[in-house]
Amino acid sequence: MIASYGLKFILIALALVILCCFGAAWRDSKILFVLAVIFAMVTVFLTFFYRNPARTIQAEPGEILSTADGKVLSVEEIELDYIGGKGSKVSIFLSVFDPHINRIPMDGHVDYVRYNPGKFFTAFSDKASSDNENVEIGLSYGSGRLVFKIIAGILARRIEYTLEDNQDVTAGDIFGMIHFGSRAEFFLPESVEVQVKAGDQVKAGLTVIGKVRD
């Protein structure tokens, strides 16, 4: 399945392929033929990039699921007032080869959504976390609160999302997408036991990032 976020880009690339093919045939132009081949390759890449894999979400109570497909860059201690003080930060890098659909990590209530315009450092750089364009979401889930962020990378110039303040959400539901290489982060309270480590591969809606302790 193709994500709706990327349909217009795929259709534009496909239209350019068709136009170049017609132009190459009409004028017997090698240049237009080469352009048609290039745009065809771009169309194939965009179709691959904007794929939306079917996922069966089976979150258990207290489980926090990954918001994105990618590789865990780091797990570190942090302190944040919203989550109640000390906790853990989990950072995930999404390469251009990973699906970029973002999913809700657990059932809960969206307390706030903040869009922060910024720069475009490489997504695996530590500067990306604080300086890059990002969307930050605060989520309350009954016994606590957590924060998750989606962050643009060096190629991305657009983050799309559908979340709003004071909205109830369900684990695994799609809420947005970052175009091309990007980063996702969690800020989890001490009451959550992190289930991943640096180097782990994770999948949106499937991999358990943390579990709320009893």
Protein backbone atom coordinates (compact mmCIF):
# COMPACT_ATOMS: atom_id res chain seq x y z
CA MET A 1 0.00 0.00 0.00
CA ILE A 2 1.18 3.54 -0.77
CA ALA A 3 0.93 6.32 1.83
CA SER A 4 -1.41 9.12 0.79
CA TYR A 5 1.27 11.63 1.83
CA GLY A 6 3.39 10.67 -1.17
CA LEU A 7 0.82 10.16 -3.93
CA LYS A 8 1.21 13.62 -5.44
CA PHE A 9 4.99 13.26 -5.67
CA ILE A 10 4.67 9.85 -7.33
CA LEU A 11 2.07 11.14 -9.79
CA ILE A 12 4.21 14.16 -10.70
CA ALA A 13 7.22 11.94 -11.39
CA LEU A 14 5.06 9.54 -13.43
CA ALA A 15 3.62 12.43 -15.46
CA LEU A 16 7.16 13.58 -16.28
CA VAL A 17 8.01 10.06 -17.46
CA ILE A 18 5.01 10.03 -19.80
CA LEU A 19 5.73 13.53 -21.15
CA CYS A 20 9.38 12.70 -21.80
CA CYS A 21 8.42 9.43 -23.52
CA PHE A 22 6.01 11.22 -25.84
CA GLY A 23 8.55 13.95 -26.50
CA ALA A 24 11.31 11.43 -27.22
CA ALA A 25 9.08 9.55 -29.69
CA TRP A 26 7.81 12.70 -31.39
CA ARG A 27 11.19 14.40 -31.80
CA ASP A 28 13.33 11.25 -31.83
CA SER A 29 15.29 12.80 -28.97
CA LYS A 30 17.89 10.81 -27.06
CA ILE A 31 18.03 13.49 -24.36
CA LEU A 32 14.30 13.21 -23.66
CA PHE A 33 14.60 9.42 -23.65
CA VAL A 34 17.39 9.60 -21.03
CA LEU A 35 15.26 12.00 -18.98
CA ALA A 36 12.35 9.55 -19.21
CA VAL A 37 14.58 6.79 -17.82
CA ILE A 38 15.78 9.04 -15.00
CA PHE A 39 12.24 10.08 -14.06
CA ALA A 40 11.17 6.43 -14.21
CA MET A 41 13.88 5.58 -11.67
CA VAL A 42 12.72 8.46 -9.49
CA THR A 43 9.13 7.17 -9.71
CA VAL A 44 10.22 3.68 -8.63
CA PHE A 45 12.20 5.12 -5.70
CA LEU A 46 9.31 7.33 -4.56
CA THR A 47 6.89 4.38 -4.76
CA PHE A 48 9.30 2.37 -2.61
CA PHE A 49 9.89 5.22 -0.15
CA TYR A 50 6.21 6.06 0.35
CA ARG A 51 5.18 2.49 1.03
CA ASN A 52 2.85 1.91 3.96
CA PRO A 53 3.34 -1.66 5.21
CA ALA A 54 0.25 -3.33 6.66
CA ARG A 55 0.67 -3.78 10.40
CA THR A 56 -1.40 -5.78 12.91
CA ILE A 57 -1.22 -3.82 16.15
CA GLN A 58 -1.35 -5.95 19.31
CA ALA A 59 -0.26 -3.65 22.13
CA GLU A 60 -0.67 -4.98 25.67
CA PRO A 61 -1.68 -2.58 28.47
CA GLY A 62 1.32 -0.53 29.56
CA GLU A 63 3.36 -1.20 26.42
CA ILE A 64 4.81 1.74 24.49
CA LEU A 65 5.25 0.97 20.79
CA SER A 66 7.76 2.49 18.41
CA THR A 67 6.44 5.45 16.43
CA ALA A 68 8.75 4.70 13.50
CA ASP A 69 10.80 2.11 11.62
CA GLY A 70 14.52 2.56 12.06
CA LYS A 71 17.60 1.97 14.19
CA VAL A 72 17.98 2.95 17.85
CA LEU A 73 20.78 5.51 18.07
CA SER A 74 20.94 5.87 21.83
CA VAL A 75 19.23 5.41 25.18
CA GLU A 76 20.18 8.03 27.75
CA GLU A 77 19.04 9.55 31.02
CA ILE A 78 17.21 12.88 30.88
CA GLU A 79 15.12 15.14 33.08
CA LEU A 80 11.90 16.78 31.93
CA ASP A 81 9.22 18.51 34.00
CA TYR A 82 6.31 17.28 31.87
CA ILE A 83 7.10 13.60 32.50
CA GLY A 84 7.59 14.20 36.23
CA GLY A 85 11.35 14.63 36.45
CA LYS A 86 13.99 12.04 35.62
CA GLY A 87 13.53 9.50 32.85
CA SER A 88 14.95 8.08 29.65
CA LYS A 89 15.37 9.43 26.13
CA VAL A 90 15.28 6.94 23.24
CA SER A 91 16.47 8.21 19.83
CA ILE A 92 15.69 6.41 16.55
CA PHE A 93 17.22 7.12 13.13
CA LEU A 94 15.14 6.56 9.98
CA SER A 95 17.18 6.07 6.80
CA VAL A 96 15.68 6.72 3.35
CA PHE A 97 15.23 2.94 3.06
CA ASP A 98 12.88 2.74 6.07
CA PRO A 99 9.11 3.32 5.80
CA HIS A 100 8.50 6.83 7.14
CA ILE A 101 4.92 6.42 8.35
CA ASN A 102 4.58 7.47 12.02
CA ARG A 103 2.26 5.70 14.48
CA ILE A 104 0.83 6.49 17.92
CA PRO A 105 2.90 4.73 20.65
CA MET A 106 0.06 3.90 23.07
CA ASP A 107 -3.54 4.62 24.00
CA GLY A 108 -3.87 7.98 25.69
CA HIS A 109 -4.77 11.65 25.51
CA VAL A 110 -2.80 14.29 23.60
CA ASP A 111 -2.13 17.16 26.01
CA TYR A 112 -0.25 19.30 23.50
CA VAL A 113 1.20 19.36 19.99
CA ARG A 114 4.04 21.77 19.24
CA TYR A 115 5.49 22.44 15.80
CA ASN A 116 9.00 23.87 16.00
CA PRO A 117 10.57 25.28 12.81
CA GLY A 118 14.31 24.80 12.66
CA LYS A 119 17.40 23.82 10.73
CA PHE A 120 18.21 20.65 8.82
CA PHE A 121 21.23 18.90 10.30
CA THR A 122 21.70 15.21 9.48
CA ALA A 123 19.13 13.20 11.44
CA PHE A 124 21.74 11.06 13.24
CA SER A 125 23.50 14.18 14.57
CA ASP A 126 22.84 15.13 18.21
CA LYS A 127 22.13 18.69 17.01
CA ALA A 128 19.11 17.41 15.10
CA SER A 129 17.25 16.70 18.34
CA SER A 130 17.20 20.32 19.50
CA ASP A 131 17.87 22.38 16.36
CA ASN A 132 16.02 20.69 13.48
CA GLU A 133 12.42 21.21 12.41
CA ASN A 134 10.29 18.94 14.61
CA VAL A 135 6.88 18.21 16.04
CA GLU A 136 6.65 17.42 19.77
CA ILE A 137 3.64 15.65 21.28
CA GLY A 138 2.85 15.34 24.99
CA LEU A 139 0.75 12.26 25.80
CA SER A 140 -0.92 11.32 29.09
CA TYR A 141 -1.78 7.64 29.51
CA GLY A 142 -3.44 7.18 32.88
CA SER A 143 -0.59 6.53 35.29
CA GLY A 144 1.87 8.92 33.69
CA ARG A 145 2.94 11.08 30.80
CA LEU A 146 5.46 10.79 27.98
CA VAL A 147 6.71 12.87 25.06
CA PHE A 148 7.40 11.71 21.52
CA LYS A 149 8.91 13.74 18.70
CA ILE A 150 9.31 13.44 14.95
CA ILE A 151 12.30 15.34 13.61
CA ALA A 152 13.27 16.37 10.07
CA GLY A 153 16.66 15.38 8.65
CA ILE A 154 19.04 16.98 6.17
CA LEU A 155 16.89 16.03 3.15
CA ALA A 156 13.49 16.56 4.74
CA ARG A 157 11.79 19.91 4.37
CA ARG A 158 8.32 18.93 5.45
CA ILE A 159 6.67 17.13 8.35
CA GLU A 160 3.02 16.18 8.02
CA TYR A 161 0.81 15.24 10.95
CA THR A 162 -2.86 15.10 11.93
CA LEU A 163 -2.72 15.37 15.73
CA GLU A 164 -4.31 18.20 17.69
CA ASP A 165 -4.40 19.27 21.35
CA ASN A 166 -6.94 17.49 23.60
CA GLN A 167 -7.36 14.49 21.32
CA ASP A 168 -7.78 10.85 22.40
CA VAL A 169 -5.56 8.46 20.44
CA THR A 170 -5.13 4.72 19.97
CA ALA A 171 -1.88 2.75 19.86
CA GLY A 172 -0.72 1.98 16.32
CA ASP A 173 -2.88 4.55 14.53
CA ILE A 174 -1.07 6.52 11.81
CA PHE A 175 -0.63 10.17 12.72
CA GLY A 176 1.88 11.52 10.21
CA MET A 177 4.99 11.20 8.10
CA ILE A 178 8.39 12.84 7.69
CA HIS A 179 9.60 13.17 4.11
CA PHE A 180 12.94 11.39 3.59
CA GLY A 181 15.68 10.81 6.20
CA SER A 182 14.56 11.69 9.71
CA ARG A 183 14.59 10.95 13.42
CA ALA A 184 12.11 9.97 16.14
CA GLU A 185 12.51 10.34 19.89
CA PHE A 186 10.82 9.31 23.14
CA PHE A 187 11.07 11.00 26.54
CA LEU A 188 9.90 8.40 29.04
CA PRO A 189 9.36 8.72 32.82
CA GLU A 190 11.22 6.61 35.38
CA SER A 191 8.13 4.45 35.75
CA VAL A 192 8.79 3.08 32.24
CA GLU A 193 11.32 0.27 31.76
CA VAL A 194 13.07 0.72 28.40
CA GLN A 195 13.04 -2.47 26.30
CA VAL A 196 15.52 -1.49 23.55
CA LYS A 197 19.20 -0.55 23.31
CA ALA A 198 21.46 1.26 20.87
CA GLY A 199 21.78 -0.65 17.59
CA ASP A 200 18.37 -2.37 17.77
CA GLN A 201 16.13 -2.27 14.69
CA VAL A 202 12.57 -1.23 15.48
CA LYS A 203 9.27 -1.17 13.58
CA ALA A 204 6.42 1.30 13.99
CA GLY A 205 3.44 -0.18 15.80
CA LEU A 206 5.21 -3.50 16.42
CA THR A 207 8.37 -3.04 18.50
CA VAL A 208 7.90 -2.39 22.22
CA ILE A 209 10.09 0.56 23.22
CA GLY A 210 9.16 0.48 26.90
CA LYS A 211 6.81 -0.97 29.48
CA VAL A 212 5.12 0.85 32.34
CA ARG A 213 6.21 -0.78 35.61
CA ASP A 214 3.45 -2.09 37.85
